[in-house]
C-alpha atoms as a PDB file:
ATOM      1  CA  MET A   1       2.498  13.003   8.402  1.00  0.00           C
ATOM      2  CA  ALA A   2      -0.639  10.840   8.240  1.00  0.00           C
ATOM      3  CA  LYS A   3      -2.836  13.757   7.250  1.00  0.00           C
ATOM      4  CA  LEU A   4      -0.823  14.241   4.049  1.00  0.00           C
ATOM      5  CA  PHE A   5      -2.190  10.986   2.651  1.00  0.00           C
ATOM      6  CA  VAL A   6      -5.744  10.968   3.993  1.00  0.00           C
ATOM      7  CA  LYS A   7      -7.419  12.664   1.041  1.00  0.00           C
ATOM      8  CA  GLN A   8      -5.662  10.579  -1.604  1.00  0.00           C
ATOM      9  CA  ALA A   9      -5.677   7.209   0.167  1.00  0.00           C
ATOM     10  CA  LYS A  10      -7.464   5.570  -2.782  1.00  0.00           C
ATOM     11  CA  GLN A  11      -4.954   7.017  -5.266  1.00  0.00           C
ATOM     12  CA  TYR A  12      -2.120   5.820  -3.038  1.00  0.00           C
ATOM     13  CA  ALA A  13      -3.492   2.275  -2.986  1.00  0.00           C
ATOM     14  CA  GLU A  14      -3.973   2.233  -6.751  1.00  0.00           C
ATOM     15  CA  GLY A  15      -0.997   4.280  -7.867  1.00  0.00           C
ATOM     16  CA  ARG A  16       1.890   3.073  -5.728  1.00  0.00           C
ATOM     17  CA  PRO A  17       3.988   0.132  -6.926  1.00  0.00           C
ATOM     18  CA  SER A  18       4.571  -3.155  -5.153  1.00  0.00           C
ATOM     19  CA  TYR A  19       8.113  -3.831  -3.999  1.00  0.00           C
ATOM     20  CA  PRO A  20      10.351  -6.466  -5.659  1.00  0.00           C
ATOM     21  CA  SER A  21      10.497  -9.970  -4.222  1.00  0.00           C
ATOM     22  CA  GLN A  22      14.303  -9.753  -4.200  1.00  0.00           C
ATOM     23  CA  LEU A  23      14.069  -7.017  -1.574  1.00  0.00           C
ATOM     24  CA  PHE A  24      12.067  -9.180   0.828  1.00  0.00           C
ATOM     25  CA  GLN A  25      14.196 -12.245   0.147  1.00  0.00           C
ATOM     26  CA  PHE A  26      17.300 -10.238   1.058  1.00  0.00           C
ATOM     27  CA  ILE A  27      15.720  -8.941   4.263  1.00  0.00           C
ATOM     28  CA  ALA A  28      14.381 -12.368   5.259  1.00  0.00           C
ATOM     29  CA  SER A  29      17.814 -13.920   4.698  1.00  0.00           C
ATOM     30  CA  LYS A  30      19.109 -11.716   7.527  1.00  0.00           C
ATOM     31  CA  THR A  31      16.511 -12.820  10.106  1.00  0.00           C
ATOM     32  CA  PRO A  32      17.075 -16.366  11.458  1.00  0.00           C
ATOM     33  CA  SER A  33      13.484 -16.583  12.671  1.00  0.00           C
ATOM     34  CA  HIS A  34      10.454 -15.772  10.515  1.00  0.00           C
ATOM     35  CA  HIS A  35       7.772 -15.677  13.168  1.00  0.00           C
ATOM     36  CA  LEU A  36       6.827 -12.006  13.557  1.00  0.00           C
ATOM     37  CA  ALA A  37       7.278  -8.888  11.409  1.00  0.00           C
ATOM     38  CA  TRP A  38       6.200  -5.364  12.280  1.00  0.00           C
ATOM     39  CA  ASP A  39       5.533  -3.142   9.259  1.00  0.00           C
ATOM     40  CA  VAL A  40       5.468   0.468  10.446  1.00  0.00           C
ATOM     41  CA  GLY A  41       3.753   3.172   8.418  1.00  0.00           C
ATOM     42  CA  THR A  42       2.190   0.411   6.359  1.00  0.00           C
ATOM     43  CA  GLY A  43      -0.119   2.801   4.498  1.00  0.00           C
ATOM     44  CA  THR A  44      -2.250   0.622   2.241  1.00  0.00           C
ATOM     45  CA  GLY A  45      -0.205  -2.480   3.013  1.00  0.00           C
ATOM     46  CA  GLN A  46       2.107  -2.812   0.007  1.00  0.00           C
ATOM     47  CA  ALA A  47       4.979  -4.187   2.103  1.00  0.00           C
ATOM     48  CA  ALA A  48       2.790  -6.100   4.557  1.00  0.00           C
ATOM     49  CA  ILE A  49       1.378  -8.261   1.760  1.00  0.00           C
ATOM     50  CA  SER A  50       4.845  -9.438   0.722  1.00  0.00           C
ATOM     51  CA  LEU A  51       5.988  -9.930   4.313  1.00  0.00           C
ATOM     52  CA  ALA A  52       2.968 -12.141   4.940  1.00  0.00           C
ATOM     53  CA  ALA A  53       4.289 -14.654   2.392  1.00  0.00           C
ATOM     54  CA  ILE A  54       7.497 -15.069   4.427  1.00  0.00           C
ATOM     55  CA  TYR A  55       6.671 -14.367   8.071  1.00  0.00           C
ATOM     56  CA  LYS A  56       4.120 -16.343  10.059  1.00  0.00           C
ATOM     57  CA  ASN A  57       2.554 -13.181  11.483  1.00  0.00           C
ATOM     58  CA  VAL A  58       2.663  -9.540  10.417  1.00  0.00           C
ATOM     59  CA  ILE A  59       1.575  -6.552  12.476  1.00  0.00           C
ATOM     60  CA  ALA A  60       1.025  -3.593  10.141  1.00  0.00           C
ATOM     61  CA  THR A  61       0.514  -0.209  11.789  1.00  0.00           C
ATOM     62  CA  ASP A  62      -0.290   3.249  10.527  1.00  0.00           C
ATOM     63  CA  ALA A  63      -1.414   6.558  11.976  1.00  0.00           C
ATOM     64  CA  SER A  64      -3.909   6.995   9.113  1.00  0.00           C
ATOM     65  CA  ASP A  65      -7.050   4.902   9.523  1.00  0.00           C
ATOM     66  CA  LYS A  66      -8.143   6.094   6.063  1.00  0.00           C
ATOM     67  CA  GLN A  67      -5.099   4.467   4.469  1.00  0.00           C
ATOM     68  CA  LEU A  68      -5.745   1.242   6.356  1.00  0.00           C
ATOM     69  CA  GLU A  69      -9.252   1.073   4.864  1.00  0.00           C
ATOM     70  CA  PHE A  70      -7.677   0.341   1.479  1.00  0.00           C
ATOM     71  CA  ALA A  71      -5.183  -2.262   2.707  1.00  0.00           C
ATOM     72  CA  ALA A  72      -5.525  -5.811   1.384  1.00  0.00           C
ATOM     73  CA  LYS A  73      -6.786  -8.185   4.064  1.00  0.00           C
ATOM     74  CA  LEU A  74      -4.849 -11.389   4.709  1.00  0.00           C
ATOM     75  CA  PRO A  75      -5.382 -13.929   7.521  1.00  0.00           C
ATOM     76  CA  ASN A  76      -1.894 -13.524   8.992  1.00  0.00           C
ATOM     77  CA  VAL A  77      -1.770  -9.710   8.797  1.00  0.00           C
ATOM     78  CA  ARG A  78      -3.186  -7.657  11.656  1.00  0.00           C
ATOM     79  CA  TYR A  79      -3.706  -4.012  10.739  1.00  0.00           C
ATOM     80  CA  GLN A  80      -3.586  -1.645  13.681  1.00  0.00           C
ATOM     81  CA  HIS A  81      -4.321   2.070  13.827  1.00  0.00           C
ATOM     82  CA  THR A  82      -1.940   3.848  16.222  1.00  0.00           C
ATOM     83  CA  SER A  83      -1.082   7.349  17.299  1.00  0.00           C
ATOM     84  CA  SER A  84       1.673   9.106  15.352  1.00  0.00           C
ATOM     85  CA  THR A  85       4.094   8.697  18.239  1.00  0.00           C
ATOM     86  CA  MET A  86       3.290   5.709  20.413  1.00  0.00           C
ATOM     87  CA  THR A  87       4.046   5.462  24.091  1.00  0.00           C
ATOM     88  CA  MET A  88       5.871   2.357  25.262  1.00  0.00           C
ATOM     89  CA  ALA A  89       2.606   1.154  26.793  1.00  0.00           C
ATOM     90  CA  GLU A  90       0.801   1.530  23.466  1.00  0.00           C
ATOM     91  CA  LEU A  91       3.683  -0.216  21.724  1.00  0.00           C
ATOM     92  CA  GLU A  92       3.375  -3.238  23.983  1.00  0.00           C
ATOM     93  CA  GLN A  93      -0.416  -3.270  23.770  1.00  0.00           C
ATOM     94  CA  LYS A  94      -0.877  -2.709  20.035  1.00  0.00           C
ATOM     95  CA  VAL A  95       2.304  -4.181  18.584  1.00  0.00           C
ATOM     96  CA  SER A  96       4.144  -6.754  20.680  1.00  0.00           C
ATOM     97  CA  PRO A  97       5.949  -7.327  23.986  1.00  0.00           C
ATOM     98  CA  GLN A  98       9.626  -6.580  24.451  1.00  0.00           C
ATOM     99  CA  GLY A  99      12.133  -8.635  22.468  1.00  0.00           C
ATOM    100  CA  THR A 100       9.619 -10.560  20.360  1.00  0.00           C
ATOM    101  CA  VAL A 101       9.821  -9.105  16.828  1.00  0.00           C
ATOM    102  CA  ASP A 102      12.100 -10.625  14.176  1.00  0.00           C
ATOM    103  CA  VAL A 103      12.078  -7.696  11.764  1.00  0.00           C
ATOM    104  CA  VAL A 104      10.811  -4.118  11.689  1.00  0.00           C
ATOM    105  CA  THR A 105      10.186  -2.790   8.192  1.00  0.00           C
ATOM    106  CA  ILE A 106       9.474   0.761   7.096  1.00  0.00           C
ATOM    107  CA  ALA A 107       8.643   1.309   3.427  1.00  0.00           C
ATOM    108  CA  GLN A 108       8.877   4.852   2.076  1.00  0.00           C
ATOM    109  CA  ALA A 109       8.041   6.317   5.491  1.00  0.00           C
ATOM    110  CA  ILE A 110      10.916   6.506   7.982  1.00  0.00           C
ATOM    111  CA  HIS A 111      11.805  10.041   6.890  1.00  0.00           C
ATOM    112  CA  TRP A 112       8.519  11.182   8.478  1.00  0.00           C
ATOM    113  CA  PHE A 113       9.281   9.718  11.904  1.00  0.00           C
ATOM    114  CA  ASP A 114      10.562  11.159  15.164  1.00  0.00           C
ATOM    115  CA  LEU A 115      13.676   9.031  14.801  1.00  0.00           C
ATOM    116  CA  PRO A 116      15.127   9.104  18.362  1.00  0.00           C
ATOM    117  CA  THR A 117      11.795   7.996  19.839  1.00  0.00           C
ATOM    118  CA  PHE A 118      11.140   5.464  17.103  1.00  0.00           C
ATOM    119  CA  TYR A 119      14.587   3.896  17.325  1.00  0.00           C
ATOM    120  CA  GLU A 120      14.213   3.495  21.077  1.00  0.00           C
ATOM    121  CA  GLN A 121      11.027   1.539  20.434  1.00  0.00           C
ATOM    122  CA  VAL A 122      12.623  -0.522  17.675  1.00  0.00           C
ATOM    123  CA  LYS A 123      15.481  -1.552  19.958  1.00  0.00           C
ATOM    124  CA  TRP A 124      12.970  -2.432  22.680  1.00  0.00           C
ATOM    125  CA  VAL A 125      10.682  -4.582  20.554  1.00  0.00           C
ATOM    126  CA  LEU A 126      13.263  -6.438  18.415  1.00  0.00           C
ATOM    127  CA  LYS A 127      14.783  -9.761  19.382  1.00  0.00           C
ATOM    128  CA  LYS A 128      18.423  -9.475  20.400  1.00  0.00           C
ATOM    129  CA  PRO A 129      20.941  -9.800  18.895  1.00  0.00           C
ATOM    130  CA  GLN A 130      19.377 -11.121  15.686  1.00  0.00           C
ATOM    131  CA  GLY A 131      16.493  -8.623  15.344  1.00  0.00           C
ATOM    132  CA  VAL A 132      16.663  -6.623  12.127  1.00  0.00           C
ATOM    133  CA  ILE A 133      15.381  -3.213  11.051  1.00  0.00           C
ATOM    134  CA  ALA A 134      14.936  -2.559   7.327  1.00  0.00           C
ATOM    135  CA  ALA A 135      13.925   0.839   5.953  1.00  0.00           C
ATOM    136  CA  TRP A 136      13.736   1.680   2.289  1.00  0.00           C
ATOM    137  CA  CYS A 137      12.634   4.386  -0.068  1.00  0.00           C
ATOM    138  CA  TYR A 138      12.171   4.596  -3.800  1.00  0.00           C
ATOM    139  CA  ASN A 139      12.661   7.527  -6.085  1.00  0.00           C
ATOM    140  CA  LEU A 140      11.201   8.776  -9.354  1.00  0.00           C
ATOM    141  CA  PRO A 141      10.576   6.070 -11.936  1.00  0.00           C
ATOM    142  CA  ARG A 142      12.437   5.933 -15.210  1.00  0.00           C
ATOM    143  CA  ILE A 143      10.157   5.211 -18.170  1.00  0.00           C
ATOM    144  CA  SER A 144      11.569   6.778 -21.337  1.00  0.00           C
ATOM    145  CA  ASP A 145      13.736   9.769 -22.114  1.00  0.00           C
ATOM    146  CA  GLU A 146      10.710  11.773 -23.245  1.00  0.00           C
ATOM    147  CA  VAL A 147       8.493  10.951 -20.268  1.00  0.00           C
ATOM    148  CA  ASP A 148      11.362  11.249 -17.784  1.00  0.00           C
ATOM    149  CA  ALA A 149      12.164  14.788 -18.939  1.00  0.00           C
ATOM    150  CA  ILE A 150       8.584  15.907 -18.263  1.00  0.00           C
ATOM    151  CA  LEU A 151       8.473  14.052 -14.943  1.00  0.00           C
ATOM    152  CA  ASP A 152      11.720  15.615 -13.757  1.00  0.00           C
ATOM    153  CA  ARG A 153      10.412  19.082 -14.631  1.00  0.00           C
ATOM    154  CA  LEU A 154       7.141  18.371 -12.825  1.00  0.00           C
ATOM    155  CA  TYR A 155       9.027  17.161  -9.752  1.00  0.00           C
ATOM    156  CA  LEU A 156      11.165  20.289  -9.762  1.00  0.00           C
ATOM    157  CA  ASP A 157       8.084  22.499 -10.060  1.00  0.00           C
ATOM    158  CA  SER A 158       6.428  20.654  -7.162  1.00  0.00           C
ATOM    159  CA  GLY A 159       9.393  21.351  -4.881  1.00  0.00           C
ATOM    160  CA  PRO A 160       7.708  24.060  -2.750  1.00  0.00           C
ATOM    161  CA  TYR A 161       4.906  21.664  -1.836  1.00  0.00           C
ATOM    162  CA  TRP A 162       7.009  18.782  -0.509  1.00  0.00           C
ATOM    163  CA  ASP A 163       7.576  18.460   3.205  1.00  0.00           C
ATOM    164  CA  PRO A 164      11.238  19.193   4.126  1.00  0.00           C
ATOM    165  CA  ALA A 165      11.586  15.532   5.148  1.00  0.00           C
ATOM    166  CA  ARG A 166      11.472  14.645   1.447  1.00  0.00           C
ATOM    167  CA  ARG A 167      15.162  15.586   1.250  1.00  0.00           C
ATOM    168  CA  TRP A 168      16.047  12.230   2.821  1.00  0.00           C
ATOM    169  CA  VAL A 169      14.368  10.431  -0.096  1.00  0.00           C
ATOM    170  CA  ASP A 170      16.147  12.663  -2.609  1.00  0.00           C
ATOM    171  CA  ASP A 171      19.369  11.611  -0.843  1.00  0.00           C
ATOM    172  CA  ASN A 172      18.413   7.920  -1.187  1.00  0.00           C
ATOM    173  CA  TYR A 173      18.601   7.571   2.631  1.00  0.00           C
ATOM    174  CA  LYS A 174      22.391   7.846   2.451  1.00  0.00           C
ATOM    175  CA  ASN A 175      22.673  10.303   5.336  1.00  0.00           C
ATOM    176  CA  ILE A 176      19.562   9.615   7.370  1.00  0.00           C
ATOM    177  CA  ASP A 177      20.327   8.723  10.993  1.00  0.00           C
ATOM    178  CA  PHE A 178      20.524   4.929  11.245  1.00  0.00           C
ATOM    179  CA  PRO A 179      22.277   3.816  14.472  1.00  0.00           C
ATOM    180  CA  PHE A 180      22.407   0.071  13.872  1.00  0.00           C
ATOM    181  CA  GLU A 181      25.062  -2.549  13.186  1.00  0.00           C
ATOM    182  CA  PRO A 182      25.591  -4.230   9.803  1.00  0.00           C
ATOM    183  CA  VAL A 183      23.718  -7.479   9.330  1.00  0.00           C
ATOM    184  CA  ASP A 184      25.569 -10.753   8.861  1.00  0.00           C
ATOM    185  CA  GLY A 185      27.436 -10.816   5.570  1.00  0.00           C
ATOM    186  CA  ALA A 186      27.486  -7.038   5.159  1.00  0.00           C
ATOM    187  CA  ASP A 187      30.131  -4.508   6.143  1.00  0.00           C
ATOM    188  CA  HIS A 188      27.806  -1.514   6.117  1.00  0.00           C
ATOM    189  CA  THR A 189      24.110  -0.734   6.601  1.00  0.00           C
ATOM    190  CA  GLY A 190      23.507   0.488   3.045  1.00  0.00           C
ATOM    191  CA  PRO A 191      21.928   1.837   1.070  1.00  0.00           C
ATOM    192  CA  PHE A 192      21.608  -1.400  -0.885  1.00  0.00           C
ATOM    193  CA  GLU A 193      20.010  -0.934  -4.295  1.00  0.00           C
ATOM    194  CA  PHE A 194      17.057  -2.764  -5.811  1.00  0.00           C
ATOM    195  CA  VAL A 195      14.663  -1.964  -8.663  1.00  0.00           C
ATOM    196  CA  ILE A 196      10.878  -2.051  -8.899  1.00  0.00           C
ATOM    197  CA  GLU A 197       9.728  -2.900 -12.406  1.00  0.00           C
ATOM    198  CA  ARG A 198       6.086  -2.210 -13.032  1.00  0.00           C
ATOM    199  CA  GLU A 199       4.008  -2.322 -16.187  1.00  0.00           C
ATOM    200  CA  ILE A 200       1.919   0.819 -16.257  1.00  0.00           C
ATOM    201  CA  ASP A 201      -0.351   2.704 -18.625  1.00  0.00           C
ATOM    202  CA  LEU A 202      -0.739   6.468 -18.791  1.00  0.00           C
ATOM    203  CA  ASP A 203      -3.796   6.515 -16.528  1.00  0.00           C
ATOM    204  CA  GLY A 204      -1.907   4.510 -13.925  1.00  0.00           C
ATOM    205  CA  PHE A 205       1.023   6.876 -14.186  1.00  0.00           C
ATOM    206  CA  LEU A 206      -1.237   9.889 -13.651  1.00  0.00           C
ATOM    207  CA  THR A 207      -2.761   8.147 -10.614  1.00  0.00           C
ATOM    208  CA  TYR A 208       0.748   7.692  -9.233  1.00  0.00           C
ATOM    209  CA  LEU A 209       1.408  11.420  -9.669  1.00  0.00           C
ATOM    210  CA  THR A 210      -1.789  12.371  -7.839  1.00  0.00           C
ATOM    211  CA  SER A 211      -0.721  10.126  -4.936  1.00  0.00           C
ATOM    212  CA  TRP A 212       2.233  12.433  -4.191  1.00  0.00           C
ATOM    213  CA  SER A 213       1.829  14.228  -0.865  1.00  0.00           C
ATOM    214  CA  ALA A 214       3.046  17.359  -2.680  1.00  0.00           C
ATOM    215  CA  TYR A 215       0.125  17.061  -5.082  1.00  0.00           C
ATOM    216  CA  GLN A 216      -2.393  17.159  -2.240  1.00  0.00           C
ATOM    217  CA  THR A 217      -0.571  20.025  -0.504  1.00  0.00           C
ATOM    218  CA  ALA A 218      -0.557  22.044  -3.701  1.00  0.00           C
ATOM    219  CA  LYS A 219      -4.273  21.370  -4.251  1.00  0.00           C
ATOM    220  CA  GLU A 220      -5.045  22.643  -0.765  1.00  0.00           C
ATOM    221  CA  LYS A 221      -3.201  25.848  -1.649  1.00  0.00           C
ATOM    222  CA  GLY A 222      -5.223  26.239  -4.830  1.00  0.00           C
ATOM    223  CA  VAL A 223      -2.430  25.113  -7.152  1.00  0.00           C
ATOM    224  CA  GLU A 224      -2.855  22.365  -9.751  1.00  0.00           C
ATOM    225  CA  ILE A 225       0.642  21.061 -10.523  1.00  0.00           C
ATOM    226  CA  LEU A 226      -0.717  18.452 -12.925  1.00  0.00           C
ATOM    227  CA  ARG A 227      -2.112  21.015 -15.334  1.00  0.00           C
ATOM    228  CA  GLU A 228      -3.860  20.170 -18.590  1.00  0.00           C
ATOM    229  CA  ASP A 229      -0.857  21.313 -20.628  1.00  0.00           C
ATOM    230  CA  VAL A 230       1.380  18.984 -18.612  1.00  0.00           C
ATOM    231  CA  ILE A 231      -1.016  16.091 -19.185  1.00  0.00           C
ATOM    232  CA  GLU A 232      -1.051  16.827 -22.927  1.00  0.00           C
ATOM    233  CA  LYS A 233       2.765  16.796 -22.999  1.00  0.00           C
ATOM    234  CA  LEU A 234       2.745  13.473 -21.172  1.00  0.00           C
ATOM    235  CA  LYS A 235       0.242  12.021 -23.646  1.00  0.00           C
ATOM    236  CA  LEU A 236       2.443  13.078 -26.545  1.00  0.00           C
ATOM    237  CA  ALA A 237       5.598  11.739 -24.878  1.00  0.00           C
ATOM    238  CA  TRP A 238       3.872   8.485 -23.946  1.00  0.00           C
ATOM    239  CA  GLY A 239       3.107   7.719 -27.559  1.00  0.00           C
ATOM    240  CA  GLU A 240       0.846   4.990 -28.849  1.00  0.00           C
ATOM    241  CA  ASP A 241       2.084   2.212 -26.560  1.00  0.00           C
ATOM    242  CA  ALA A 242      -0.695   1.455 -24.121  1.00  0.00           C
ATOM    243  CA  LYS A 243       1.697   0.226 -21.431  1.00  0.00           C
ATOM    244  CA  LYS A 244       5.311   0.848 -20.569  1.00  0.00           C
ATOM    245  CA  ILE A 245       7.763  -0.533 -18.038  1.00  0.00           C
ATOM    246  CA  ALA A 246       8.450   1.907 -15.198  1.00  0.00           C
ATOM    247  CA  LYS A 247      11.618   1.273 -13.197  1.00  0.00           C
ATOM    248  CA  TYR A 248      11.698   2.755  -9.701  1.00  0.00           C
ATOM    249  CA  PRO A 249      15.111   2.698  -7.959  1.00  0.00           C
ATOM    250  CA  VAL A 250      14.873   1.363  -4.389  1.00  0.00           C
ATOM    251  CA  TYR A 251      17.373   2.163  -1.614  1.00  0.00           C
ATOM    252  CA  LEU A 252      17.495  -0.031   1.489  1.00  0.00           C
ATOM    253  CA  ARG A 253      19.070   0.656   4.886  1.00  0.00           C
ATOM    254  CA  ILE A 254      19.273  -2.508   6.981  1.00  0.00           C
ATOM    255  CA  GLY A 255      20.867  -3.232  10.338  1.00  0.00           C
ATOM    256  CA  ARG A 256      20.533  -5.188  13.558  1.00  0.00           C
ATOM    257  CA  VAL A 257      20.455  -4.343  17.225  1.00  0.00           C
ATOM    258  CA  SER A 258      23.396  -5.345  19.397  1.00  0.00           C
ATOM    259  CA  GLY A 259      22.878  -7.871  22.141  1.00  0.00           C
ATOM    260  CA  ASP A 260      23.660  -5.391  24.921  1.00  0.00           C
ATOM    261  CA  VAL A 261      20.942  -2.842  23.997  1.00  0.00           C
END
């Protein structure tokens, strides 16, 4: 998975939106202690930055050292390059000892993981029974009817270049394996819905499109999915407004480990 984002790490850092504060407030409300958060697949640190405002310490890991180069540095965030699938020894060495993490977060990444192995590690590292795992994805932004129509067509055309794991995002994580118990105050593990609202200009929107893993895959196959004619259609649809509000729907799965794990 990490190799899909190596060549467009800069575009990813610049083009991907930050997540809404309401999302982190909801997650934090389900963890009695706010001492240690582990952000897995942190990429360029979008989630880690927000977690650092709530949790005393954040460990942010990624299998792509190139992505980590573009992550914002904060005094209470420790970025750590890891292998794609860590051993338990590496987990303890690079992340934290058993039963010490308050929350494990995975932003727009869990669909890439070897889930049985990862979930075993999550259950090992989380505090019990109050440790929480929170995984979320976001889908295509909604900007305007005109822009959305072009974006939807572009996404459809890019279909052959997405990894099969992308289907879990298209499904809003509804059916992804998630063997955890509902958190306090909830009768299910989600998905719970949130919205990212981001002011963006056309250049920023094009940067977001080039941050797609499908864009890089297509480029490597000699295919330019963001052709000049598509860009011209987007310019026309965008109109004269320099900036627009893009709304990205966010879907959160959240649960806790049982005390007897």
